[in-house]
Amino acid sequence: MHLRPIGLLLPFLCTTGLLGTDIHTITKKPMSWHDNIEELADAKFLNLIHQAALEPTKKYAEPQTESQEIGWNTTPLIHVDRTDRRLYFPRRRTEITK
């Protein structure tokens, strides 16, 4: 018989059938010293986690789905000239909007 602290993996293991019948789980206890031991972080694992957390424009060179094509290029097509009233409509305060 094996005793293993499984924690959050228990629902996954039960639904996939990976949990054997001879394994019993032990819940973690907040005041136990062996459950609170600080372990060194693996650099390869941390790099993988940080890479997965990036937004898609930093992960990939081009969009991976059709919905990612909308908004993929965020640089403006033309320079916004704030003095040109044809393309720039700032908010204005009038007596009605005060």
Protein backbone atom coordinates (compact mmCIF):
# COMPACT_ATOMS: atom_id res chain seq x y z
CA MET A 1 0.00 0.00 0.00
CA HIS A 2 1.36 3.44 -0.97
CA LEU A 3 0.54 6.67 0.88
CA ARG A 4 0.92 9.82 -1.21
CA PRO A 5 -0.26 13.41 -0.70
CA ILE A 6 -1.99 14.07 -4.01
CA GLY A 7 -3.81 17.35 -3.28
CA LEU A 8 -5.45 18.98 -6.29
CA LEU A 9 -4.71 16.13 -8.69
CA LEU A 10 -7.22 13.81 -7.03
CA PRO A 11 -10.26 14.78 -9.20
CA PHE A 12 -8.14 14.46 -12.36
CA LEU A 13 -6.79 11.07 -11.39
CA CYS A 14 -10.22 9.74 -10.43
CA THR A 15 -11.90 10.81 -13.68
CA THR A 16 -9.12 9.58 -15.95
CA GLY A 17 -8.71 6.23 -14.22
CA LEU A 18 -5.07 6.88 -13.34
CA LEU A 19 -5.70 6.43 -9.65
CA GLY A 20 -5.06 2.85 -8.68
CA THR A 21 -7.05 0.99 -6.06
CA ASP A 22 -4.03 0.46 -3.82
CA ILE A 23 -3.22 4.19 -3.40
CA HIS A 24 -4.68 6.09 -0.44
CA THR A 25 -4.41 9.86 -0.25
CA ILE A 26 -3.38 11.85 2.77
CA THR A 27 -4.55 15.44 3.06
CA LYS A 28 -1.94 18.10 3.71
CA LYS A 29 -1.84 19.59 7.17
CA PRO A 30 -1.05 23.30 7.55
CA MET A 31 1.22 22.95 10.60
CA SER A 32 3.24 19.93 9.48
CA TRP A 33 6.90 20.58 8.74
CA HIS A 34 7.20 18.17 5.80
CA ASP A 35 4.36 19.80 3.82
CA ASN A 36 5.84 23.29 4.24
CA ILE A 37 9.39 22.60 3.07
CA GLU A 38 10.61 25.16 0.54
CA GLU A 39 11.91 23.45 -2.58
CA LEU A 40 14.25 24.94 -5.14
CA ALA A 41 12.51 26.00 -8.32
CA ASP A 42 13.58 24.33 -11.53
CA ALA A 43 14.74 26.98 -14.04
CA LYS A 44 13.41 25.01 -17.02
CA PHE A 45 9.98 24.65 -15.39
CA LEU A 46 9.84 28.35 -14.46
CA ASN A 47 10.78 29.32 -18.01
CA LEU A 48 7.97 27.11 -19.32
CA ILE A 49 5.44 28.72 -16.96
CA HIS A 50 6.53 32.26 -17.89
CA GLN A 51 6.39 31.41 -21.61
CA ALA A 52 2.84 30.07 -21.23
CA ALA A 53 1.72 33.27 -19.47
CA LEU A 54 2.76 35.55 -22.35
CA GLU A 55 0.15 37.10 -24.60
CA PRO A 56 -0.21 35.54 -28.07
CA THR A 57 1.53 38.41 -29.91
CA LYS A 58 4.71 37.71 -27.91
CA LYS A 59 4.45 33.92 -28.21
CA TYR A 60 3.85 33.61 -31.94
CA ALA A 61 5.06 35.48 -35.03
CA GLU A 62 1.64 35.41 -36.70
CA PRO A 63 -1.96 34.76 -35.54
CA GLN A 64 -2.83 31.13 -34.83
CA THR A 65 -6.62 31.45 -35.23
CA GLU A 66 -8.99 33.52 -37.31
CA SER A 67 -10.20 35.46 -34.26
CA GLN A 68 -6.62 36.45 -33.38
CA GLU A 69 -6.28 38.22 -36.72
CA ILE A 70 -8.58 40.96 -35.45
CA GLY A 71 -6.37 43.30 -33.43
CA TRP A 72 -3.10 41.45 -34.10
CA ASN A 73 -1.37 44.50 -35.61
CA THR A 74 -1.73 47.25 -33.03
CA THR A 75 0.48 49.87 -34.67
CA PRO A 76 -1.51 52.71 -36.26
CA LEU A 77 -1.58 52.85 -40.06
CA ILE A 78 -1.16 56.63 -40.16
CA HIS A 79 0.27 59.16 -37.75
CA VAL A 80 -2.47 60.94 -35.80
CA ASP A 81 -2.18 64.68 -36.30
CA ARG A 82 -3.99 66.31 -33.38
CA THR A 83 -4.33 69.62 -35.24
CA ASP A 84 -6.20 68.06 -38.21
CA ARG A 85 -9.91 68.35 -37.36
CA ARG A 86 -10.89 65.88 -40.10
CA LEU A 87 -9.45 62.87 -38.22
CA TYR A 88 -9.26 64.03 -34.59
CA PHE A 89 -12.42 64.66 -32.59
CA PRO A 90 -11.53 65.63 -29.02
CA ARG A 91 -14.11 65.86 -26.26
CA ARG A 92 -15.39 69.33 -25.71
CA ARG A 93 -17.09 70.84 -22.72
CA THR A 94 -20.10 72.99 -23.36
CA GLU A 95 -22.79 74.46 -21.13
CA ILE A 96 -25.00 71.43 -21.78
CA THR A 97 -22.39 68.79 -20.87
CA LYS A 98 -21.19 70.46 -17.65
